[in-house]
Structures are given as C-alpha cells and as structure tokens.
C-alpha cells in the first residue's frame, strides 16, 4: 500500500465531509445535510487551506498536536526542553 492517499487534500476533505453526512443523524460525528461544505463553513478557499497545511510552521512558527507528541518533537530536534510555542489539541 502506498504512503498517503492517492488524491489531493481538497478531495480528501470532501470525502471526510461526505462521510460525516452519511453517518446516521442520531450518531455522534454526523454532519447535517443542511450545512455547507467544510471549507465554506471555515470561510477559506481550497488554495488557502492548502497553504495553511503545507506551510504551517512557516505561517504560525509553532508546533500543533497532542501534548504527548511534543516530547517526540523535543527529542527529534535535540532540544533541551519542550518548545514554548505549542498549540495543544
């Protein structure tokens, strides 16, 4: 199996959005059919989203993710402490 998905990010987001709409309405994670597509709701274009995802560190100068991942970042970059500019999820 190849690494990654064999299609563009915008197509993947559309697939995720479609999947959320296909889930039963009484289940957690469902997306109401009346809601507009995800990028429309975020008020950004596909091009803007692609820039944000491909140049995250350059745009925001920080790391984002689960707190448990920050120690891995620290070790990978051989830092003496965890970076202060973190966005924890």
PDB file of N, CA and C in Angstrom:
ATOM      1  N   UNK A   1       0.844  -1.182   0.000  1.00  0.00           N
ATOM      2  CA  UNK A   1       0.000   0.000   0.000  1.00  0.00           C
ATOM      3  C   UNK A   1       0.890   1.247   0.000  1.00  0.00           C
ATOM      4  N   UNK A   2       0.626   2.209  -0.875  1.00  0.00           N
ATOM      5  CA  UNK A   2       1.459   3.414  -0.926  1.00  0.00           C
ATOM      6  C   UNK A   2       1.248   4.287   0.307  1.00  0.00           C
ATOM      7  N   UNK A   3       2.287   5.069   0.642  1.00  0.00           N
ATOM      8  CA  UNK A   3       2.149   6.002   1.750  1.00  0.00           C
ATOM      9  C   UNK A   3       1.232   7.137   1.320  1.00  0.00           C
ATOM     10  N   UNK A   4       0.378   7.575   2.234  1.00  0.00           N
ATOM     11  CA  UNK A   4      -0.517   8.679   1.916  1.00  0.00           C
ATOM     12  C   UNK A   4      -1.683   8.231   1.061  1.00  0.00           C
ATOM     13  N   UNK A   5      -2.511   9.174   0.733  1.00  0.00           N
ATOM     14  CA  UNK A   5      -3.690   8.898  -0.080  1.00  0.00           C
ATOM     15  C   UNK A   5      -3.428   9.330  -1.513  1.00  0.00           C
ATOM     16  N   UNK A   6      -3.931   8.558  -2.482  1.00  0.00           N
ATOM     17  CA  UNK A   6      -3.643   8.855  -3.878  1.00  0.00           C
ATOM     18  C   UNK A   6      -4.540   9.942  -4.477  1.00  0.00           C
ATOM     19  N   UNK A   7      -4.860  10.989  -3.713  1.00  0.00           N
ATOM     20  CA  UNK A   7      -5.617  12.108  -4.257  1.00  0.00           C
ATOM     21  C   UNK A   7      -5.298  13.375  -3.484  1.00  0.00           C
ATOM     22  N   UNK A   8      -5.762  14.501  -3.997  1.00  0.00           N
ATOM     23  CA  UNK A   8      -5.428  15.795  -3.413  1.00  0.00           C
ATOM     24  C   UNK A   8      -6.135  16.016  -2.078  1.00  0.00           C
ATOM     25  N   UNK A   9      -5.568  16.912  -1.270  1.00  0.00           N
ATOM     26  CA  UNK A   9      -6.119  17.227   0.040  1.00  0.00           C
ATOM     27  C   UNK A   9      -7.562  17.706  -0.061  1.00  0.00           C
ATOM     28  N   UNK A  10      -7.864  18.543  -1.033  1.00  0.00           N
ATOM     29  CA  UNK A  10      -9.232  19.055  -1.168  1.00  0.00           C
ATOM     30  C   UNK A  10     -10.212  17.910  -1.425  1.00  0.00           C
ATOM     31  N   UNK A  11      -9.795  16.909  -2.201  1.00  0.00           N
ATOM     32  CA  UNK A  11     -10.646  15.743  -2.444  1.00  0.00           C
ATOM     33  C   UNK A  11     -10.826  14.935  -1.164  1.00  0.00           C
ATOM     34  N   UNK A  12      -9.759  14.822  -0.371  1.00  0.00           N
ATOM     35  CA  UNK A  12      -9.840  14.107   0.906  1.00  0.00           C
ATOM     36  C   UNK A  12     -10.814  14.802   1.850  1.00  0.00           C
ATOM     37  N   UNK A  13     -10.718  16.122   1.949  1.00  0.00           N
ATOM     38  CA  UNK A  13     -11.634  16.865   2.824  1.00  0.00           C
ATOM     39  C   UNK A  13     -13.077  16.695   2.376  1.00  0.00           C
ATOM     40  N   UNK A  14     -13.277  16.692   1.075  1.00  0.00           N
ATOM     41  CA  UNK A  14     -14.615  16.476   0.535  1.00  0.00           C
ATOM     42  C   UNK A  14     -15.120  15.081   0.918  1.00  0.00           C
ATOM     43  N   UNK A  15     -14.232  14.089   0.870  1.00  0.00           N
ATOM     44  CA  UNK A  15     -14.588  12.724   1.247  1.00  0.00           C
ATOM     45  C   UNK A  15     -14.945  12.644   2.731  1.00  0.00           C
ATOM     46  N   UNK A  16     -14.145  13.302   3.579  1.00  0.00           N
ATOM     47  CA  UNK A  16     -14.431  13.322   5.017  1.00  0.00           C
ATOM     48  C   UNK A  16     -15.776  13.994   5.268  1.00  0.00           C
ATOM     49  N   UNK A  17     -16.017  15.108   4.595  1.00  0.00           N
ATOM     50  CA  UNK A  17     -17.286  15.823   4.739  1.00  0.00           C
ATOM     51  C   UNK A  17     -18.447  14.928   4.303  1.00  0.00           C
ATOM     52  N   UNK A  18     -18.294  14.254   3.172  1.00  0.00           N
ATOM     53  CA  UNK A  18     -19.343  13.363   2.676  1.00  0.00           C
ATOM     54  C   UNK A  18     -19.602  12.243   3.675  1.00  0.00           C
ATOM     55  N   UNK A  19     -18.530  11.665   4.222  1.00  0.00           N
ATOM     56  CA  UNK A  19     -18.663  10.575   5.192  1.00  0.00           C
ATOM     57  C   UNK A  19     -19.432  11.043   6.417  1.00  0.00           C
ATOM     58  N   UNK A  20     -19.102  12.243   6.897  1.00  0.00           N
ATOM     59  CA  UNK A  20     -19.810  12.791   8.051  1.00  0.00           C
ATOM     60  C   UNK A  20     -21.285  12.991   7.781  1.00  0.00           C
ATOM     61  N   UNK A  21     -21.623  13.288   6.555  1.00  0.00           N
ATOM     62  CA  UNK A  21     -23.036  13.466   6.196  1.00  0.00           C
ATOM     63  C   UNK A  21     -23.741  12.114   6.032  1.00  0.00           C
ATOM     64  N   UNK A  22     -22.968  11.076   5.706  1.00  0.00           N
ATOM     65  CA  UNK A  22     -23.550   9.753   5.502  1.00  0.00           C
ATOM     66  C   UNK A  22     -23.836   9.040   6.817  1.00  0.00           C
ATOM     67  N   UNK A  23     -23.158   9.468   7.894  1.00  0.00           N
ATOM     68  CA  UNK A  23     -23.373   8.858   9.209  1.00  0.00           C
ATOM     69  C   UNK A  23     -24.782   9.192   9.677  1.00  0.00           C
ATOM     70  N   UNK A  24     -25.404   8.270  10.368  1.00  0.00           N
ATOM     71  CA  UNK A  24     -26.767   8.485  10.855  1.00  0.00           C
ATOM     72  C   UNK A  24     -26.856   9.735  11.711  1.00  0.00           C
ATOM     73  N   UNK A  25     -27.941  10.487  11.531  1.00  0.00           N
ATOM     74  CA  UNK A  25     -28.117  11.755  12.236  1.00  0.00           C
ATOM     75  C   UNK A  25     -28.137  11.604  13.747  1.00  0.00           C
ATOM     76  N   UNK A  26     -28.557  10.446  14.246  1.00  0.00           N
ATOM     77  CA  UNK A  26     -28.635  10.278  15.699  1.00  0.00           C
ATOM     78  C   UNK A  26     -27.303   9.821  16.296  1.00  0.00           C
ATOM     79  N   UNK A  27     -26.268   9.777  15.478  1.00  0.00           N
ATOM     80  CA  UNK A  27     -24.951   9.330  15.951  1.00  0.00           C
ATOM     81  C   UNK A  27     -23.982  10.504  16.043  1.00  0.00           C
ATOM     82  N   UNK A  28     -23.057  10.410  16.993  1.00  0.00           N
ATOM     83  CA  UNK A  28     -22.023  11.416  17.162  1.00  0.00           C
ATOM     84  C   UNK A  28     -21.164  11.472  15.899  1.00  0.00           C
ATOM     85  N   UNK A  29     -20.810  12.666  15.467  1.00  0.00           N
ATOM     86  CA  UNK A  29     -19.962  12.823  14.296  1.00  0.00           C
ATOM     87  C   UNK A  29     -20.717  13.053  13.005  1.00  0.00           C
ATOM     88  N   UNK A  30     -22.034  13.007  13.067  1.00  0.00           N
ATOM     89  CA  UNK A  30     -22.789  13.228  11.836  1.00  0.00           C
ATOM     90  C   UNK A  30     -22.787  14.714  11.478  1.00  0.00           C
ATOM     91  N   UNK A  31     -22.864  15.007  10.201  1.00  0.00           N
ATOM     92  CA  UNK A  31     -22.908  16.381   9.699  1.00  0.00           C
ATOM     93  C   UNK A  31     -24.260  16.568   9.025  1.00  0.00           C
ATOM     94  N   UNK A  32     -24.975  17.570   9.474  1.00  0.00           N
ATOM     95  CA  UNK A  32     -26.312  17.830   8.925  1.00  0.00           C
ATOM     96  C   UNK A  32     -26.228  18.121   7.432  1.00  0.00           C
ATOM     97  N   UNK A  33     -27.162  17.582   6.690  1.00  0.00           N
ATOM     98  CA  UNK A  33     -27.206  17.772   5.242  1.00  0.00           C
ATOM     99  C   UNK A  33     -27.353  19.254   4.891  1.00  0.00           C
ATOM    100  N   UNK A  34     -27.963  20.019   5.785  1.00  0.00           N
ATOM    101  CA  UNK A  34     -28.202  21.441   5.523  1.00  0.00           C
ATOM    102  C   UNK A  34     -26.935  22.298   5.646  1.00  0.00           C
ATOM    103  N   UNK A  35     -25.883  21.764   6.269  1.00  0.00           N
ATOM    104  CA  UNK A  35     -24.642  22.534   6.423  1.00  0.00           C
ATOM    105  C   UNK A  35     -23.891  22.621   5.097  1.00  0.00           C
ATOM    106  N   UNK A  36     -23.297  23.774   4.812  1.00  0.00           N
ATOM    107  CA  UNK A  36     -22.488  23.888   3.593  1.00  0.00           C
ATOM    108  C   UNK A  36     -21.186  23.098   3.727  1.00  0.00           C
ATOM    109  N   UNK A  37     -20.451  22.901   2.634  1.00  0.00           N
ATOM    110  CA  UNK A  37     -19.182  22.170   2.687  1.00  0.00           C
ATOM    111  C   UNK A  37     -18.219  22.776   3.712  1.00  0.00           C
ATOM    112  N   UNK A  38     -17.296  21.963   4.185  1.00  0.00           N
ATOM    113  CA  UNK A  38     -16.426  22.349   5.295  1.00  0.00           C
ATOM    114  C   UNK A  38     -15.597  23.606   5.015  1.00  0.00           C
ATOM    115  N   UNK A  39     -15.010  23.741   3.846  1.00  0.00           N
ATOM    116  CA  UNK A  39     -14.201  24.926   3.568  1.00  0.00           C
ATOM    117  C   UNK A  39     -15.055  26.185   3.492  1.00  0.00           C
ATOM    118  N   UNK A  40     -16.277  26.056   3.039  1.00  0.00           N
ATOM    119  CA  UNK A  40     -17.203  27.187   3.023  1.00  0.00           C
ATOM    120  C   UNK A  40     -17.513  27.613   4.448  1.00  0.00           C
ATOM    121  N   UNK A  41     -17.733  26.631   5.329  1.00  0.00           N
ATOM    122  CA  UNK A  41     -18.016  26.945   6.736  1.00  0.00           C
ATOM    123  C   UNK A  41     -16.819  27.598   7.408  1.00  0.00           C
ATOM    124  N   UNK A  42     -15.614  27.215   7.001  1.00  0.00           N
ATOM    125  CA  UNK A  42     -14.401  27.813   7.570  1.00  0.00           C
ATOM    126  C   UNK A  42     -14.064  29.157   6.921  1.00  0.00           C
ATOM    127  N   UNK A  43     -14.786  29.485   5.862  1.00  0.00           N
ATOM    128  CA  UNK A  43     -14.606  30.738   5.127  1.00  0.00           C
ATOM    129  C   UNK A  43     -13.191  30.864   4.544  1.00  0.00           C
ATOM    130  N   UNK A  44     -12.685  29.757   3.997  1.00  0.00           N
ATOM    131  CA  UNK A  44     -11.392  29.791   3.320  1.00  0.00           C
ATOM    132  C   UNK A  44     -11.485  29.022   2.005  1.00  0.00           C
ATOM    133  N   UNK A  45     -10.644  29.407   1.080  1.00  0.00           N
ATOM    134  CA  UNK A  45     -10.632  28.728  -0.219  1.00  0.00           C
ATOM    135  C   UNK A  45      -9.776  27.466  -0.129  1.00  0.00           C
ATOM    136  N   UNK A  46      -9.910  26.615  -1.109  1.00  0.00           N
ATOM    137  CA  UNK A  46      -9.085  25.415  -1.166  1.00  0.00           C
ATOM    138  C   UNK A  46      -7.604  25.767  -1.235  1.00  0.00           C
ATOM    139  N   UNK A  47      -7.290  26.828  -1.971  1.00  0.00           N
ATOM    140  CA  UNK A  47      -5.894  27.264  -2.095  1.00  0.00           C
ATOM    141  C   UNK A  47      -5.356  27.740  -0.741  1.00  0.00           C
ATOM    142  N   UNK A  48      -6.165  28.503   0.004  1.00  0.00           N
ATOM    143  CA  UNK A  48      -5.743  28.971   1.329  1.00  0.00           C
ATOM    144  C   UNK A  48      -5.522  27.792   2.272  1.00  0.00           C
ATOM    145  N   UNK A  49      -6.429  26.814   2.231  1.00  0.00           N
ATOM    146  CA  UNK A  49      -6.291  25.640   3.099  1.00  0.00           C
ATOM    147  C   UNK A  49      -5.003  24.891   2.774  1.00  0.00           C
ATOM    148  N   UNK A  50      -4.729  24.739   1.508  1.00  0.00           N
ATOM    149  CA  UNK A  50      -3.518  24.041   1.091  1.00  0.00           C
ATOM    150  C   UNK A  50      -2.276  24.778   1.597  1.00  0.00           C
ATOM    151  N   UNK A  51      -2.268  26.098   1.520  1.00  0.00           N
ATOM    152  CA  UNK A  51      -1.141  26.885   2.042  1.00  0.00           C
ATOM    153  C   UNK A  51      -0.987  26.680   3.542  1.00  0.00           C
ATOM    154  N   UNK A  52      -2.102  26.705   4.264  1.00  0.00           N
ATOM    155  CA  UNK A  52      -2.053  26.528   5.716  1.00  0.00           C
ATOM    156  C   UNK A  52      -1.484  25.173   6.098  1.00  0.00           C
ATOM    157  N   UNK A  53      -1.882  24.130   5.393  1.00  0.00           N
ATOM    158  CA  UNK A  53      -1.437  22.789   5.757  1.00  0.00           C
ATOM    159  C   UNK A  53      -0.015  22.494   5.297  1.00  0.00           C
ATOM    160  N   UNK A  54       0.399  23.064   4.195  1.00  0.00           N
ATOM    161  CA  UNK A  54       1.733  22.780   3.680  1.00  0.00           C
ATOM    162  C   UNK A  54       2.809  23.683   4.278  1.00  0.00           C
ATOM    163  N   UNK A  55       2.413  24.813   4.837  1.00  0.00           N
ATOM    164  CA  UNK A  55       3.391  25.760   5.375  1.00  0.00           C
ATOM    165  C   UNK A  55       3.028  26.163   6.803  1.00  0.00           C
ATOM    166  N   UNK A  56       2.517  25.219   7.584  1.00  0.00           N
ATOM    167  CA  UNK A  56       2.013  25.527   8.928  1.00  0.00           C
ATOM    168  C   UNK A  56       3.067  26.195   9.799  1.00  0.00           C
ATOM    169  N   UNK A  57       4.245  25.572   9.932  1.00  0.00           N
ATOM    170  CA  UNK A  57       5.281  26.118  10.805  1.00  0.00           C
ATOM    171  C   UNK A  57       5.751  27.486  10.320  1.00  0.00           C
ATOM    172  N   UNK A  58       5.817  27.656   9.012  1.00  0.00           N
ATOM    173  CA  UNK A  58       6.247  28.940   8.447  1.00  0.00           C
ATOM    174  C   UNK A  58       5.208  30.026   8.732  1.00  0.00           C
ATOM    175  N   UNK A  59       3.928  29.669   8.622  1.00  0.00           N
ATOM    176  CA  UNK A  59       2.849  30.633   8.841  1.00  0.00           C
ATOM    177  C   UNK A  59       2.703  31.006  10.313  1.00  0.00           C
ATOM    178  N   UNK A  60       2.791  30.010  11.204  1.00  0.00           N
ATOM    179  CA  UNK A  60       2.477  30.229  12.615  1.00  0.00           C
ATOM    180  C   UNK A  60       3.687  30.140  13.544  1.00  0.00           C
ATOM    181  N   UNK A  61       4.789  29.636  13.057  1.00  0.00           N
ATOM    182  CA  UNK A  61       6.012  29.498  13.851  1.00  0.00           C
ATOM    183  C   UNK A  61       5.780  28.754  15.167  1.00  0.00           C
ATOM    184  N   UNK A  62       5.060  27.656  15.066  1.00  0.00           N
ATOM    185  CA  UNK A  62       4.819  26.842  16.258  1.00  0.00           C
ATOM    186  C   UNK A  62       4.499  25.413  15.837  1.00  0.00           C
ATOM    187  N   UNK A  63       4.417  24.532  16.819  1.00  0.00           N
ATOM    188  CA  UNK A  63       4.021  23.150  16.599  1.00  0.00           C
ATOM    189  C   UNK A  63       2.584  22.993  17.066  1.00  0.00           C
ATOM    190  N   UNK A  64       1.869  22.057  16.478  1.00  0.00           N
ATOM    191  CA  UNK A  64       0.500  21.781  16.904  1.00  0.00           C
ATOM    192  C   UNK A  64       0.314  20.278  16.988  1.00  0.00           C
ATOM    193  N   UNK A  65      -0.480  19.841  17.957  1.00  0.00           N
ATOM    194  CA  UNK A  65      -0.751  18.422  18.095  1.00  0.00           C
ATOM    195  C   UNK A  65      -1.048  18.048  19.528  1.00  0.00           C
ATOM    196  N   UNK A  66      -1.042  16.758  19.794  1.00  0.00           N
ATOM    197  CA  UNK A  66      -1.293  16.261  21.141  1.00  0.00           C
ATOM    198  C   UNK A  66      -0.071  16.513  22.013  1.00  0.00           C
ATOM    199  N   UNK A  67      -0.318  16.798  23.282  1.00  0.00           N
ATOM    200  CA  UNK A  67       0.785  17.069  24.216  1.00  0.00           C
ATOM    201  C   UNK A  67       1.803  15.928  24.235  1.00  0.00           C
ATOM    202  N   UNK A  68       1.320  14.703  24.103  1.00  0.00           N
ATOM    203  CA  UNK A  68       2.229  13.553  24.144  1.00  0.00           C
ATOM    204  C   UNK A  68       3.223  13.566  22.975  1.00  0.00           C
ATOM    205  N   UNK A  69       2.876  14.252  21.905  1.00  0.00           N
ATOM    206  CA  UNK A  69       3.763  14.318  20.738  1.00  0.00           C
ATOM    207  C   UNK A  69       4.878  15.342  20.905  1.00  0.00           C
ATOM    208  N   UNK A  70       4.707  16.291  21.814  1.00  0.00           N
ATOM    209  CA  UNK A  70       5.692  17.358  21.953  1.00  0.00           C
ATOM    210  C   UNK A  70       7.047  16.850  22.443  1.00  0.00           C
ATOM    211  N   UNK A  71       7.029  15.827  23.288  1.00  0.00           N
ATOM    212  CA  UNK A  71       8.301  15.254  23.747  1.00  0.00           C
ATOM    213  C   UNK A  71       9.049  14.625  22.577  1.00  0.00           C
ATOM    214  N   UNK A  72       8.315  14.020  21.659  1.00  0.00           N
ATOM    215  CA  UNK A  72       8.944  13.436  20.469  1.00  0.00           C
ATOM    216  C   UNK A  72       9.587  14.528  19.616  1.00  0.00           C
ATOM    217  N   UNK A  73       8.902  15.669  19.510  1.00  0.00           N
ATOM    218  CA  UNK A  73       9.453  16.804  18.767  1.00  0.00           C
ATOM    219  C   UNK A  73      10.734  17.281  19.440  1.00  0.00           C
ATOM    220  N   UNK A  74      10.684  17.401  20.759  1.00  0.00           N
ATOM    221  CA  UNK A  74      11.858  17.842  21.522  1.00  0.00           C
ATOM    222  C   UNK A  74      13.046  16.912  21.265  1.00  0.00           C
ATOM    223  N   UNK A  75      12.796  15.608  21.334  1.00  0.00           N
ATOM    224  CA  UNK A  75      13.861  14.631  21.121  1.00  0.00           C
ATOM    225  C   UNK A  75      14.372  14.654  19.678  1.00  0.00           C
ATOM    226  N   UNK A  76      13.456  14.760  18.730  1.00  0.00           N
ATOM    227  CA  UNK A  76      13.837  14.766  17.318  1.00  0.00           C
ATOM    228  C   UNK A  76      14.762  15.940  17.001  1.00  0.00           C
ATOM    229  N   UNK A  77      14.420  17.113  17.526  1.00  0.00           N
ATOM    230  CA  UNK A  77      15.224  18.308  17.265  1.00  0.00           C
ATOM    231  C   UNK A  77      16.355  18.489  18.283  1.00  0.00           C
ATOM    232  N   UNK A  78      16.500  17.504  19.165  1.00  0.00           N
ATOM    233  CA  UNK A  78      17.544  17.501  20.196  1.00  0.00           C
ATOM    234  C   UNK A  78      17.531  18.797  21.010  1.00  0.00           C
ATOM    235  N   UNK A  79      16.331  19.155  21.473  1.00  0.00           N
ATOM    236  CA  UNK A  79      16.163  20.353  22.291  1.00  0.00           C
ATOM    237  C   UNK A  79      16.299  19.988  23.759  1.00  0.00           C
ATOM    238  N   UNK A  80      16.757  20.923  24.565  1.00  0.00           N
ATOM    239  CA  UNK A  80      16.922  20.649  25.999  1.00  0.00           C
ATOM    240  C   UNK A  80      15.595  20.727  26.747  1.00  0.00           C
ATOM    241  N   UNK A  81      14.614  21.404  26.165  1.00  0.00           N
ATOM    242  CA  UNK A  81      13.287  21.479  26.783  1.00  0.00           C
ATOM    243  C   UNK A  81      12.228  21.511  25.687  1.00  0.00           C
ATOM    244  N   UNK A  82      10.997  21.293  26.083  1.00  0.00           N
ATOM    245  CA  UNK A  82       9.894  21.321  25.128  1.00  0.00           C
ATOM    246  C   UNK A  82       9.709  22.752  24.631  1.00  0.00           C
ATOM    247  N   UNK A  83       9.531  22.942  23.317  1.00  0.00           N
ATOM    248  CA  UNK A  83       9.364  24.296  22.781  1.00  0.00           C
ATOM    249  C   UNK A  83       8.181  25.020  23.429  1.00  0.00           C
ATOM    250  N   UNK A  84       8.311  26.334  23.692  1.00  0.00           N
ATOM    251  CA  UNK A  84       7.233  27.078  24.339  1.00  0.00           C
ATOM    252  C   UNK A  84       6.079  27.421  23.403  1.00  0.00           C
ATOM    253  N   UNK A  85       6.316  27.443  22.105  1.00  0.00           N
ATOM    254  CA  UNK A  85       5.283  27.845  21.150  1.00  0.00           C
ATOM    255  C   UNK A  85       4.529  26.619  20.632  1.00  0.00           C
ATOM    256  N   UNK A  86       3.580  26.137  21.442  1.00  0.00           N
ATOM    257  CA  UNK A  86       2.834  24.924  21.126  1.00  0.00           C
ATOM    258  C   UNK A  86       1.338  25.200  21.107  1.00  0.00           C
ATOM    259  N   UNK A  87       0.641  24.544  20.209  1.00  0.00           N
ATOM    260  CA  UNK A  87      -0.818  24.555  20.186  1.00  0.00           C
ATOM    261  C   UNK A  87      -1.264  23.143  20.517  1.00  0.00           C
ATOM    262  N   UNK A  88      -1.676  22.909  21.751  1.00  0.00           N
ATOM    263  CA  UNK A  88      -2.061  21.561  22.182  1.00  0.00           C
ATOM    264  C   UNK A  88      -3.501  21.274  21.808  1.00  0.00           C
ATOM    265  N   UNK A  89      -3.735  20.048  21.333  1.00  0.00           N
ATOM    266  CA  UNK A  89      -5.094  19.631  20.996  1.00  0.00           C
ATOM    267  C   UNK A  89      -5.602  18.653  22.019  1.00  0.00           C
TER     268      UNK A  89
END
